[in-house]
Full PDB file with SEQRES, HELIX, SHEET, SSBOND, CRYST1, ORIGX, SCALE, CONECT and MASTER records, all heavy atoms in Angstrom:
SEQRES   1 A   39  ASP SER LEU ARG LEU SER CYS ALA THR SER GLY ARG PRO          
SEQRES   2 A   39  PHE SER ARG TYR THR MET ALA TRP PHE ARG GLN ALA PRO          
SEQRES   3 A   39  GLY LYS GLU ARG GLU PHE VAL ALA THR ILE THR TRP THR          
SHEET    1 AA1 2 MET A  19  ARG A  23  0                                        
SHEET    2 AA1 2 GLU A  31  ILE A  36 -1                                        
CRYST1    1.000    1.000    1.000  90.00  90.00  90.00 P 1           1          
ORIGX1      1.000000  0.000000  0.000000        0.00000                         
ORIGX2      0.000000  1.000000  0.000000        0.00000                         
ORIGX3      0.000000  0.000000  1.000000        0.00000                         
SCALE1      1.000000  0.000000  0.000000        0.00000                         
SCALE2      0.000000  1.000000  0.000000        0.00000                         
SCALE3      0.000000  0.000000  1.000000        0.00000                         
ATOM      1  N   ASP A   1     -48.876 -63.809 -12.034  1.00  0.00           N  
ATOM      2  CA  ASP A   1     -49.698 -64.987 -12.297  1.00  0.00           C  
ATOM      3  C   ASP A   1     -50.338 -65.511 -11.017  1.00  0.00           C  
ATOM      4  O   ASP A   1     -50.071 -65.030  -9.916  1.00  0.00           O  
ATOM      5  CB  ASP A   1     -48.861 -66.081 -12.940  1.00  0.00           C  
ATOM      6  CG  ASP A   1     -48.562 -65.818 -14.392  1.00  0.00           C  
ATOM      7  OD1 ASP A   1     -49.094 -64.837 -14.947  1.00  0.00           O  
ATOM      8  OD2 ASP A   1     -47.784 -66.595 -14.980  1.00  0.00           O  
ATOM      9  N   SER A   2     -51.167 -66.526 -11.180  1.00  0.00           N  
ATOM     10  CA  SER A   2     -51.855 -67.159 -10.065  1.00  0.00           C  
ATOM     11  C   SER A   2     -51.506 -68.635  -9.985  1.00  0.00           C  
ATOM     12  O   SER A   2     -51.138 -69.259 -10.977  1.00  0.00           O  
ATOM     13  CB  SER A   2     -53.372 -67.003 -10.206  1.00  0.00           C  
ATOM     14  OG  SER A   2     -53.765 -65.647 -10.176  1.00  0.00           O  
ATOM     15  N   LEU A   3     -51.653 -69.178  -8.796  1.00  0.00           N  
ATOM     16  CA  LEU A   3     -51.368 -70.580  -8.561  1.00  0.00           C  
ATOM     17  C   LEU A   3     -52.228 -71.054  -7.393  1.00  0.00           C  
ATOM     18  O   LEU A   3     -52.465 -70.296  -6.451  1.00  0.00           O  
ATOM     19  CB  LEU A   3     -49.890 -70.770  -8.240  1.00  0.00           C  
ATOM     20  CG  LEU A   3     -49.248 -72.147  -8.440  1.00  0.00           C  
ATOM     21  CD1 LEU A   3     -49.353 -72.576  -9.896  1.00  0.00           C  
ATOM     22  CD2 LEU A   3     -47.791 -72.096  -8.016  1.00  0.00           C  
ATOM     23  N   ARG A   4     -52.684 -72.295  -7.462  1.00  0.00           N  
ATOM     24  CA  ARG A   4     -53.480 -72.863  -6.383  1.00  0.00           C  
ATOM     25  C   ARG A   4     -52.783 -74.091  -5.821  1.00  0.00           C  
ATOM     26  O   ARG A   4     -52.560 -75.064  -6.538  1.00  0.00           O  
ATOM     27  CB  ARG A   4     -54.874 -73.245  -6.873  1.00  0.00           C  
ATOM     28  CG  ARG A   4     -55.836 -73.633  -5.748  1.00  0.00           C  
ATOM     29  CD  ARG A   4     -57.130 -74.190  -6.306  1.00  0.00           C  
ATOM     30  NE  ARG A   4     -58.168 -74.292  -5.285  1.00  0.00           N  
ATOM     31  CZ  ARG A   4     -59.329 -74.919  -5.452  1.00  0.00           C  
ATOM     32  NH1 ARG A   4     -59.612 -75.486  -6.622  1.00  0.00           N  
ATOM     33  NH2 ARG A   4     -60.212 -74.956  -4.465  1.00  0.00           N  
ATOM     34  N   LEU A   5     -52.472 -74.032  -4.544  1.00  0.00           N  
ATOM     35  CA  LEU A   5     -51.863 -75.151  -3.856  1.00  0.00           C  
ATOM     36  C   LEU A   5     -52.927 -75.982  -3.152  1.00  0.00           C  
ATOM     37  O   LEU A   5     -53.932 -75.454  -2.689  1.00  0.00           O  
ATOM     38  CB  LEU A   5     -50.840 -74.670  -2.831  1.00  0.00           C  
ATOM     39  CG  LEU A   5     -49.738 -73.733  -3.335  1.00  0.00           C  
ATOM     40  CD1 LEU A   5     -48.781 -73.400  -2.197  1.00  0.00           C  
ATOM     41  CD2 LEU A   5     -48.995 -74.354  -4.505  1.00  0.00           C  
ATOM     42  N   SER A   6     -52.681 -77.276  -3.063  1.00  0.00           N  
ATOM     43  CA  SER A   6     -53.575 -78.176  -2.359  1.00  0.00           C  
ATOM     44  C   SER A   6     -52.794 -78.966  -1.326  1.00  0.00           C  
ATOM     45  O   SER A   6     -51.599 -79.201  -1.486  1.00  0.00           O  
ATOM     46  CB  SER A   6     -54.253 -79.145  -3.331  1.00  0.00           C  
ATOM     47  OG  SER A   6     -55.049 -78.460  -4.267  1.00  0.00           O  
ATOM     48  N   CYS A   7     -53.480 -79.368  -0.284  1.00  0.00           N  
ATOM     49  CA  CYS A   7     -52.892 -80.201   0.752  1.00  0.00           C  
ATOM     50  C   CYS A   7     -53.890 -81.294   1.089  1.00  0.00           C  
ATOM     51  O   CYS A   7     -54.921 -81.024   1.716  1.00  0.00           O  
ATOM     52  CB  CYS A   7     -52.547 -79.374   1.987  1.00  0.00           C  
ATOM     53  SG  CYS A   7     -51.949 -80.339   3.392  1.00  0.00           S  
ATOM     54  N   ALA A   8     -53.596 -82.500   0.678  1.00  0.00           N  
ATOM     55  CA  ALA A   8     -54.450 -83.641   0.969  1.00  0.00           C  
ATOM     56  C   ALA A   8     -54.036 -84.258   2.298  1.00  0.00           C  
ATOM     57  O   ALA A   8     -52.846 -84.436   2.559  1.00  0.00           O  
ATOM     58  CB  ALA A   8     -54.357 -84.669  -0.144  1.00  0.00           C  
ATOM     59  N   THR A   9     -55.012 -84.593   3.122  1.00  0.00           N  
ATOM     60  CA  THR A   9     -54.729 -85.150   4.440  1.00  0.00           C  
ATOM     61  C   THR A   9     -55.310 -86.547   4.574  1.00  0.00           C  
ATOM     62  O   THR A   9     -56.279 -86.903   3.912  1.00  0.00           O  
ATOM     63  CB  THR A   9     -55.294 -84.267   5.560  1.00  0.00           C  
ATOM     64  OG1 THR A   9     -56.726 -84.295   5.517  1.00  0.00           O  
ATOM     65  CG2 THR A   9     -54.819 -82.836   5.405  1.00  0.00           C  
ATOM     66  N   SER A  10     -54.708 -87.318   5.458  1.00  0.00           N  
ATOM     67  CA  SER A  10     -55.188 -88.652   5.757  1.00  0.00           C  
ATOM     68  C   SER A  10     -54.812 -88.998   7.187  1.00  0.00           C  
ATOM     69  O   SER A  10     -53.989 -88.334   7.805  1.00  0.00           O  
ATOM     70  CB  SER A  10     -54.604 -89.677   4.786  1.00  0.00           C  
ATOM     71  OG  SER A  10     -53.193 -89.737   4.898  1.00  0.00           O  
ATOM     72  N   GLY A  11     -55.415 -90.042   7.708  1.00  0.00           N  
ATOM     73  CA  GLY A  11     -55.144 -90.461   9.063  1.00  0.00           C  
ATOM     74  C   GLY A  11     -56.257 -90.037  10.006  1.00  0.00           C  
ATOM     75  O   GLY A  11     -57.401 -90.459   9.851  1.00  0.00           O  
ATOM     76  N   ARG A  12     -55.927 -89.193  10.965  1.00  0.00           N  
ATOM     77  CA  ARG A  12     -56.903 -88.688  11.913  1.00  0.00           C  
ATOM     78  C   ARG A  12     -57.960 -87.844  11.208  1.00  0.00           C  
ATOM     79  O   ARG A  12     -57.707 -87.303  10.135  1.00  0.00           O  
ATOM     80  CB  ARG A  12     -56.211 -87.857  12.992  1.00  0.00           C  
ATOM     81  CG  ARG A  12     -55.208 -88.627  13.840  1.00  0.00           C  
ATOM     82  CD  ARG A  12     -55.897 -89.556  14.822  1.00  0.00           C  
ATOM     83  NE  ARG A  12     -56.720 -88.835  15.774  1.00  0.00           N  
ATOM     84  CZ  ARG A  12     -56.274 -88.265  16.890  1.00  0.00           C  
ATOM     85  NH1 ARG A  12     -54.979 -88.349  17.212  1.00  0.00           N  
ATOM     86  NH2 ARG A  12     -57.102 -87.624  17.699  1.00  0.00           N  
ATOM     87  N   PRO A  13     -59.133 -87.705  11.816  1.00  0.00           N  
ATOM     88  CA  PRO A  13     -60.172 -86.868  11.210  1.00  0.00           C  
ATOM     89  C   PRO A  13     -59.688 -85.460  10.930  1.00  0.00           C  
ATOM     90  O   PRO A  13     -59.053 -84.821  11.776  1.00  0.00           O  
ATOM     91  CB  PRO A  13     -61.277 -86.883  12.270  1.00  0.00           C  
ATOM     92  CG  PRO A  13     -61.108 -88.193  12.962  1.00  0.00           C  
ATOM     93  CD  PRO A  13     -59.626 -88.408  13.028  1.00  0.00           C  
ATOM     94  N   PHE A  14     -59.987 -84.973   9.749  1.00  0.00           N  
ATOM     95  CA  PHE A  14     -59.482 -83.701   9.280  1.00  0.00           C  
ATOM     96  C   PHE A  14     -60.289 -82.509   9.750  1.00  0.00           C  
ATOM     97  O   PHE A  14     -59.739 -81.433   9.981  1.00  0.00           O  
ATOM     98  CB  PHE A  14     -59.443 -83.730   7.741  1.00  0.00           C  
ATOM     99  CG  PHE A  14     -59.161 -82.413   7.095  1.00  0.00           C  
ATOM    100  CD1 PHE A  14     -57.880 -81.899   7.088  1.00  0.00           C  
ATOM    101  CD2 PHE A  14     -60.173 -81.700   6.479  1.00  0.00           C  
ATOM    102  CE1 PHE A  14     -57.602 -80.689   6.472  1.00  0.00           C  
ATOM    103  CE2 PHE A  14     -59.913 -80.492   5.861  1.00  0.00           C  
ATOM    104  CZ  PHE A  14     -58.627 -79.988   5.856  1.00  0.00           C  
ATOM    105  N   SER A  15     -61.581 -82.675   9.891  1.00  0.00           N  
ATOM    106  CA  SER A  15     -62.486 -81.542  10.033  1.00  0.00           C  
ATOM    107  C   SER A  15     -62.234 -80.677  11.259  1.00  0.00           C  
ATOM    108  O   SER A  15     -62.481 -79.475  11.220  1.00  0.00           O  
ATOM    109  CB  SER A  15     -63.941 -82.018  10.028  1.00  0.00           C  
ATOM    110  OG  SER A  15     -64.201 -82.878  11.121  1.00  0.00           O  
ATOM    111  N   ARG A  16     -61.733 -81.250  12.334  1.00  0.00           N  
ATOM    112  CA  ARG A  16     -61.573 -80.489  13.570  1.00  0.00           C  
ATOM    113  C   ARG A  16     -60.182 -79.897  13.750  1.00  0.00           C  
ATOM    114  O   ARG A  16     -59.907 -79.277  14.778  1.00  0.00           O  
ATOM    115  CB  ARG A  16     -61.936 -81.350  14.771  1.00  0.00           C  
ATOM    116  CG  ARG A  16     -63.376 -81.875  14.741  1.00  0.00           C  
ATOM    117  CD  ARG A  16     -63.780 -82.467  16.076  1.00  0.00           C  
ATOM    118  NE  ARG A  16     -63.915 -81.444  17.100  1.00  0.00           N  
ATOM    119  CZ  ARG A  16     -65.016 -80.726  17.288  1.00  0.00           C  
ATOM    120  NH1 ARG A  16     -66.087 -80.918  16.519  1.00  0.00           N  
ATOM    121  NH2 ARG A  16     -65.054 -79.814  18.245  1.00  0.00           N  
ATOM    122  N   TYR A  17     -59.307 -80.061  12.781  1.00  0.00           N  
ATOM    123  CA  TYR A  17     -57.968 -79.500  12.862  1.00  0.00           C  
ATOM    124  C   TYR A  17     -57.937 -78.075  12.352  1.00  0.00           C  
ATOM    125  O   TYR A  17     -58.533 -77.747  11.328  1.00  0.00           O  
ATOM    126  CB  TYR A  17     -56.984 -80.327  12.038  1.00  0.00           C  
ATOM    127  CG  TYR A  17     -56.515 -81.586  12.706  1.00  0.00           C  
ATOM    128  CD1 TYR A  17     -57.238 -82.760  12.612  1.00  0.00           C  
ATOM    129  CD2 TYR A  17     -55.319 -81.594  13.420  1.00  0.00           C  
ATOM    130  CE1 TYR A  17     -56.803 -83.920  13.227  1.00  0.00           C  
ATOM    131  CE2 TYR A  17     -54.872 -82.749  14.030  1.00  0.00           C  
ATOM    132  CZ  TYR A  17     -55.613 -83.903  13.933  1.00  0.00           C  
ATOM    133  OH  TYR A  17     -55.166 -85.056  14.533  1.00  0.00           O  
ATOM    134  N   THR A  18     -57.226 -77.223  13.071  1.00  0.00           N  
ATOM    135  CA  THR A  18     -56.832 -75.944  12.513  1.00  0.00           C  
ATOM    136  C   THR A  18     -55.700 -76.207  11.526  1.00  0.00           C  
ATOM    137  O   THR A  18     -54.773 -76.956  11.823  1.00  0.00           O  
ATOM    138  CB  THR A  18     -56.380 -74.986  13.620  1.00  0.00           C  
ATOM    139  OG1 THR A  18     -57.512 -74.615  14.410  1.00  0.00           O  
ATOM    140  CG2 THR A  18     -55.756 -73.729  13.035  1.00  0.00           C  
ATOM    141  N   MET A  19     -55.783 -75.588  10.362  1.00  0.00           N  
ATOM    142  CA  MET A  19     -54.806 -75.815   9.309  1.00  0.00           C  
ATOM    143  C   MET A  19     -54.099 -74.507   8.964  1.00  0.00           C  
ATOM    144  O   MET A  19     -54.624 -73.420   9.195  1.00  0.00           O  
ATOM    145  CB  MET A  19     -55.483 -76.370   8.056  1.00  0.00           C  
ATOM    146  CG  MET A  19     -56.253 -77.664   8.273  1.00  0.00           C  
ATOM    147  SD  MET A  19     -55.164 -79.069   8.637  1.00  0.00           S  
ATOM    148  CE  MET A  19     -54.276 -79.210   7.080  1.00  0.00           C  
ATOM    149  N   ALA A  20     -52.923 -74.642   8.385  1.00  0.00           N  
ATOM    150  CA  ALA A  20     -52.162 -73.456   8.029  1.00  0.00           C  
ATOM    151  C   ALA A  20     -51.218 -73.741   6.877  1.00  0.00           C  
ATOM    152  O   ALA A  20     -50.893 -74.894   6.574  1.00  0.00           O  
ATOM    153  CB  ALA A  20     -51.365 -72.948   9.230  1.00  0.00           C  
ATOM    154  N   TRP A  21     -50.789 -72.666   6.247  1.00  0.00           N  
ATOM    155  CA  TRP A  21     -49.721 -72.697   5.261  1.00  0.00           C  
ATOM    156  C   TRP A  21     -48.546 -71.894   5.784  1.00  0.00           C  
ATOM    157  O   TRP A  21     -48.716 -70.787   6.299  1.00  0.00           O  
ATOM    158  CB  TRP A  21     -50.174 -72.112   3.921  1.00  0.00           C  
ATOM    159  CG  TRP A  21     -51.150 -72.962   3.169  1.00  0.00           C  
ATOM    160  CD1 TRP A  21     -52.499 -72.856   3.148  1.00  0.00           C  
ATOM    161  CD2 TRP A  21     -50.817 -74.061   2.305  1.00  0.00           C  
ATOM    162  NE1 TRP A  21     -53.049 -73.812   2.330  1.00  0.00           N  
ATOM    163  CE2 TRP A  21     -52.035 -74.568   1.799  1.00  0.00           C  
ATOM    164  CE3 TRP A  21     -49.618 -74.658   1.910  1.00  0.00           C  
ATOM    165  CZ2 TRP A  21     -52.083 -75.654   0.915  1.00  0.00           C  
ATOM    166  CZ3 TRP A  21     -49.676 -75.736   1.040  1.00  0.00           C  
ATOM    167  CH2 TRP A  21     -50.893 -76.217   0.555  1.00  0.00           C  
ATOM    168  N   PHE A  22     -47.363 -72.474   5.654  1.00  0.00           N  
ATOM    169  CA  PHE A  22     -46.111 -71.798   5.928  1.00  0.00           C  
ATOM    170  C   PHE A  22     -45.250 -71.864   4.677  1.00  0.00           C  
ATOM    171  O   PHE A  22     -45.521 -72.645   3.762  1.00  0.00           O  
ATOM    172  CB  PHE A  22     -45.371 -72.456   7.099  1.00  0.00           C  
ATOM    173  CG  PHE A  22     -46.033 -72.271   8.436  1.00  0.00           C  
ATOM    174  CD1 PHE A  22     -47.113 -73.056   8.808  1.00  0.00           C  
ATOM    175  CD2 PHE A  22     -45.566 -71.321   9.322  1.00  0.00           C  
ATOM    176  CE1 PHE A  22     -47.720 -72.891  10.041  1.00  0.00           C  
ATOM    177  CE2 PHE A  22     -46.167 -71.146  10.563  1.00  0.00           C  
ATOM    178  CZ  PHE A  22     -47.247 -71.934  10.919  1.00  0.00           C  
ATOM    179  N   ARG A  23     -44.211 -71.062   4.645  1.00  0.00           N  
ATOM    180  CA  ARG A  23     -43.289 -71.122   3.512  1.00  0.00           C  
ATOM    181  C   ARG A  23     -41.872 -70.843   3.983  1.00  0.00           C  
ATOM    182  O   ARG A  23     -41.649 -70.191   4.991  1.00  0.00           O  
ATOM    183  CB  ARG A  23     -43.690 -70.133   2.412  1.00  0.00           C  
ATOM    184  CG  ARG A  23     -43.532 -68.669   2.783  1.00  0.00           C  
ATOM    185  CD  ARG A  23     -44.080 -67.783   1.682  1.00  0.00           C  
ATOM    186  NE  ARG A  23     -43.891 -66.371   1.967  1.00  0.00           N  
ATOM    187  CZ  ARG A  23     -44.380 -65.392   1.222  1.00  0.00           C  
ATOM    188  NH1 ARG A  23     -45.106 -65.676   0.136  1.00  0.00           N  
ATOM    189  NH2 ARG A  23     -44.154 -64.126   1.558  1.00  0.00           N  
ATOM    190  N   GLN A  24     -40.920 -71.334   3.210  1.00  0.00           N  
ATOM    191  CA  GLN A  24     -39.522 -71.138   3.534  1.00  0.00           C  
ATOM    192  C   GLN A  24     -38.748 -70.858   2.259  1.00  0.00           C  
ATOM    193  O   GLN A  24     -38.683 -71.700   1.366  1.00  0.00           O  
ATOM    194  CB  GLN A  24     -38.941 -72.357   4.249  1.00  0.00           C  
ATOM    195  CG  GLN A  24     -37.525 -72.159   4.734  1.00  0.00           C  
ATOM    196  CD  GLN A  24     -37.063 -73.286   5.637  1.00  0.00           C  
ATOM    197  OE1 GLN A  24     -37.561 -74.405   5.551  1.00  0.00           O  
ATOM    198  NE2 GLN A  24     -36.126 -72.988   6.516  1.00  0.00           N  
ATOM    199  N   ALA A  25     -38.171 -69.676   2.197  1.00  0.00           N  
ATOM    200  CA  ALA A  25     -37.338 -69.288   1.071  1.00  0.00           C  
ATOM    201  C   ALA A  25     -35.910 -69.744   1.325  1.00  0.00           C  
ATOM    202  O   ALA A  25     -35.510 -69.938   2.479  1.00  0.00           O  
ATOM    203  CB  ALA A  25     -37.391 -67.781   0.873  1.00  0.00           C  
ATOM    204  N   PRO A  26     -35.112 -69.907   0.275  1.00  0.00           N  
ATOM    205  CA  PRO A  26     -33.724 -70.338   0.450  1.00  0.00           C  
ATOM    206  C   PRO A  26     -32.951 -69.414   1.380  1.00  0.00           C  
ATOM    207  O   PRO A  26     -32.976 -68.196   1.218  1.00  0.00           O  
ATOM    208  CB  PRO A  26     -33.160 -70.288  -0.969  1.00  0.00           C  
ATOM    209  CG  PRO A  26     -34.354 -70.488  -1.845  1.00  0.00           C  
ATOM    210  CD  PRO A  26     -35.466 -69.766  -1.146  1.00  0.00           C  
ATOM    211  N   GLY A  27     -32.278 -69.998   2.362  1.00  0.00           N  
ATOM    212  CA  GLY A  27     -31.475 -69.224   3.284  1.00  0.00           C  
ATOM    213  C   GLY A  27     -32.247 -68.486   4.350  1.00  0.00           C  
ATOM    214  O   GLY A  27     -31.649 -67.738   5.129  1.00  0.00           O  
ATOM    215  N   LYS A  28     -33.553 -68.681   4.410  1.00  0.00           N  
ATOM    216  CA  LYS A  28     -34.376 -67.991   5.391  1.00  0.00           C  
ATOM    217  C   LYS A  28     -35.148 -68.981   6.248  1.00  0.00           C  
ATOM    218  O   LYS A  28     -35.307 -70.147   5.887  1.00  0.00           O  
ATOM    219  CB  LYS A  28     -35.344 -67.028   4.706  1.00  0.00           C  
ATOM    220  CG  LYS A  28     -34.672 -65.907   3.932  1.00  0.00           C  
ATOM    221  CD  LYS A  28     -35.685 -64.945   3.369  1.00  0.00           C  
ATOM    222  CE  LYS A  28     -35.016 -63.801   2.643  1.00  0.00           C  
ATOM    223  NZ  LYS A  28     -36.012 -62.839   2.098  1.00  0.00           N  
ATOM    224  N   GLU A  29     -35.631 -68.494   7.383  1.00  0.00           N  
ATOM    225  CA  GLU A  29     -36.435 -69.322   8.265  1.00  0.00           C  
ATOM    226  C   GLU A  29     -37.846 -69.486   7.718  1.00  0.00           C  
ATOM    227  O   GLU A  29     -38.334 -68.654   6.952  1.00  0.00           O  
ATOM    228  CB  GLU A  29     -36.490 -68.716   9.667  1.00  0.00           C  
ATOM    229  CG  GLU A  29     -35.151 -68.662  10.378  1.00  0.00           C  
ATOM    230  CD  GLU A  29     -35.267 -68.141  11.786  1.00  0.00           C  
ATOM    231  OE1 GLU A  29     -36.366 -67.702  12.181  1.00  0.00           O  
ATOM    232  OE2 GLU A  29     -34.258 -68.174  12.507  1.00  0.00           O  
ATOM    233  N   ARG A  30     -38.484 -70.554   8.125  1.00  0.00           N  
ATOM    234  CA  ARG A  30     -39.857 -70.776   7.720  1.00  0.00           C  
ATOM    235  C   ARG A  30     -40.760 -69.710   8.338  1.00  0.00           C  
ATOM    236  O   ARG A  30     -40.606 -69.352   9.506  1.00  0.00           O  
ATOM    237  CB  ARG A  30     -40.295 -72.178   8.150  1.00  0.00           C  
ATOM    238  CG  ARG A  30     -41.661 -72.588   7.642  1.00  0.00           C  
ATOM    239  CD  ARG A  30     -41.778 -74.092   7.505  1.00  0.00           C  
ATOM    240  NE  ARG A  30     -41.417 -74.795   8.719  1.00  0.00           N  
ATOM    241  CZ  ARG A  30     -41.272 -76.112   8.798  1.00  0.00           C  
ATOM    242  NH1 ARG A  30     -41.439 -76.868   7.715  1.00  0.00           N  
ATOM    243  NH2 ARG A  30     -40.942 -76.677   9.949  1.00  0.00           N  
ATOM    244  N   GLU A  31     -41.715 -69.204   7.558  1.00  0.00           N  
ATOM    245  CA  GLU A  31     -42.582 -68.151   8.024  1.00  0.00           C  
ATOM    246  C   GLU A  31     -44.046 -68.495   7.793  1.00  0.00           C  
ATOM    247  O   GLU A  31     -44.404 -69.222   6.867  1.00  0.00           O  
ATOM    248  CB  GLU A  31     -42.249 -66.823   7.341  1.00  0.00           C  
ATOM    249  CG  GLU A  31     -42.504 -66.810   5.846  1.00  0.00           C  
ATOM    250  CD  GLU A  31     -42.240 -65.459   5.211  1.00  0.00           C  
ATOM    251  OE1 GLU A  31     -41.924 -64.501   5.938  1.00  0.00           O  
ATOM    252  OE2 GLU A  31     -42.343 -65.358   3.969  1.00  0.00           O  
ATOM    253  N   PHE A  32     -44.879 -67.931   8.629  1.00  0.00           N  
ATOM    254  CA  PHE A  32     -46.318 -68.134   8.551  1.00  0.00           C  
ATOM    255  C   PHE A  32     -46.900 -67.421   7.347  1.00  0.00           C  
ATOM    256  O   PHE A  32     -46.484 -66.310   7.006  1.00  0.00           O  
ATOM    257  CB  PHE A  32     -46.970 -67.617   9.839  1.00  0.00           C  
ATOM    258  CG  PHE A  32     -48.459 -67.490   9.760  1.00  0.00           C  
ATOM    259  CD1 PHE A  32     -49.273 -68.602   9.877  1.00  0.00           C  
ATOM    260  CD2 PHE A  32     -49.050 -66.252   9.570  1.00  0.00           C  
ATOM    261  CE1 PHE A  32     -50.652 -68.486   9.807  1.00  0.00           C  
ATOM    262  CE2 PHE A  32     -50.422 -66.124   9.503  1.00  0.00           C  
ATOM    263  CZ  PHE A  32     -51.219 -67.247   9.623  1.00  0.00           C  
ATOM    264  N   VAL A  33     -47.893 -68.052   6.717  1.00  0.00           N  
ATOM    265  CA  VAL A  33     -48.579 -67.459   5.576  1.00  0.00           C  
ATOM    266  C   VAL A  33     -50.060 -67.230   5.878  1.00  0.00           C  
ATOM    267  O   VAL A  33     -50.568 -66.119   5.751  1.00  0.00           O  
ATOM    268  CB  VAL A  33     -48.445 -68.322   4.312  1.00  0.00           C  
ATOM    269  CG1 VAL A  33     -49.236 -67.707   3.159  1.00  0.00           C  
ATOM    270  CG2 VAL A  33     -46.977 -68.483   3.932  1.00  0.00           C  
ATOM    271  N   ALA A  34     -50.773 -68.282   6.265  1.00  0.00           N  
ATOM    272  CA  ALA A  34     -52.208 -68.171   6.507  1.00  0.00           C  
ATOM    273  C   ALA A  34     -52.688 -69.351   7.338  1.00  0.00           C  
ATOM    274  O   ALA A  34     -52.089 -70.420   7.320  1.00  0.00           O  
ATOM    275  CB  ALA A  34     -52.980 -68.120   5.186  1.00  0.00           C  
ATOM    276  N   THR A  35     -53.798 -69.162   8.047  1.00  0.00           N  
ATOM    277  CA  THR A  35     -54.373 -70.229   8.854  1.00  0.00           C  
ATOM    278  C   THR A  35     -55.893 -70.183   8.780  1.00  0.00           C  
ATOM    279  O   THR A  35     -56.476 -69.135   8.489  1.00  0.00           O  
ATOM    280  CB  THR A  35     -53.907 -70.138  10.322  1.00  0.00           C  
ATOM    281  OG1 THR A  35     -54.414 -71.255  11.068  1.00  0.00           O  
ATOM    282  CG2 THR A  35     -54.397 -68.850  10.977  1.00  0.00           C  
ATOM    283  N   ILE A  36     -56.521 -71.316   9.049  1.00  0.00           N  
ATOM    284  CA  ILE A  36     -57.972 -71.426   9.003  1.00  0.00           C  
ATOM    285  C   ILE A  36     -58.431 -72.444  10.033  1.00  0.00           C  
ATOM    286  O   ILE A  36     -57.818 -73.490  10.199  1.00  0.00           O  
ATOM    287  CB  ILE A  36     -58.444 -71.812   7.579  1.00  0.00           C  
ATOM    288  CG1 ILE A  36     -59.971 -71.826   7.480  1.00  0.00           C  
ATOM    289  CG2 ILE A  36     -57.866 -73.160   7.163  1.00  0.00           C  
ATOM    290  CD1 ILE A  36     -60.462 -71.953   6.035  1.00  0.00           C  
ATOM    291  N   THR A  37     -59.526 -72.134  10.741  1.00  0.00           N  
ATOM    292  CA  THR A  37     -60.051 -73.053  11.744  1.00  0.00           C  
ATOM    293  C   THR A  37     -60.791 -74.211  11.090  1.00  0.00           C  
ATOM    294  O   THR A  37     -61.062 -74.205   9.889  1.00  0.00           O  
ATOM    295  CB  THR A  37     -60.995 -72.333  12.702  1.00  0.00           C  
ATOM    296  OG1 THR A  37     -62.095 -71.781  11.964  1.00  0.00           O  
ATOM    297  CG2 THR A  37     -60.285 -71.210  13.444  1.00  0.00           C  
ATOM    298  N   TRP A  38     -61.136 -75.188  11.901  1.00  0.00           N  
ATOM    299  CA  TRP A  38     -61.804 -76.378  11.375  1.00  0.00           C  
ATOM    300  C   TRP A  38     -63.172 -76.054  10.794  1.00  0.00           C  
ATOM    301  O   TRP A  38     -63.633 -76.744   9.883  1.00  0.00           O  
ATOM    302  CB  TRP A  38     -61.925 -77.450  12.452  1.00  0.00           C  
ATOM    303  CG  TRP A  38     -62.892 -77.124  13.568  1.00  0.00           C  
ATOM    304  CD1 TRP A  38     -62.628 -76.436  14.704  1.00  0.00           C  
ATOM    305  CD2 TRP A  38     -64.272 -77.515  13.630  1.00  0.00           C  
ATOM    306  NE1 TRP A  38     -63.760 -76.350  15.488  1.00  0.00           N  
ATOM    307  CE2 TRP A  38     -64.772 -77.014  14.851  1.00  0.00           C  
ATOM    308  CE3 TRP A  38     -65.116 -78.227  12.796  1.00  0.00           C  
ATOM    309  CZ2 TRP A  38     -66.102 -77.203  15.244  1.00  0.00           C  
ATOM    310  CZ3 TRP A  38     -66.437 -78.421  13.182  1.00  0.00           C  
ATOM    311  CH2 TRP A  38     -66.910 -77.915  14.391  1.00  0.00           C  
ATOM    312  N   THR A  39     -63.831 -75.015  11.306  1.00  0.00           N  
ATOM    313  CA  THR A  39     -65.128 -74.616  10.777  1.00  0.00           C  
ATOM    314  C   THR A  39     -65.013 -73.836   9.474  1.00  0.00           C  
ATOM    315  O   THR A  39     -65.976 -73.758   8.717  1.00  0.00           O  
ATOM    316  CB  THR A  39     -65.882 -73.742  11.779  1.00  0.00           C  
ATOM    317  OG1 THR A  39     -65.178 -72.518  11.984  1.00  0.00           O  
ATOM    318  CG2 THR A  39     -66.043 -74.468  13.104  1.00  0.00           C  
TER     319      THR A  39                                                      
MASTER        0    0    0    0    2    0    0    6  318    1    0    3          
END                                                                             
C-alpha cells in the first residue's frame, strides 16, 4: 500500500531550511530516510 506523511512547520521561516525524514523501528536506532534542500 501507499501512505503520505506530512510535516507542518511553524516559527522560524521554513523556506531556507534543509528538511529530512528519519525513522526509528522498535529496538533500533533512528535512521535517515530522505532529505531535501530549501529550494
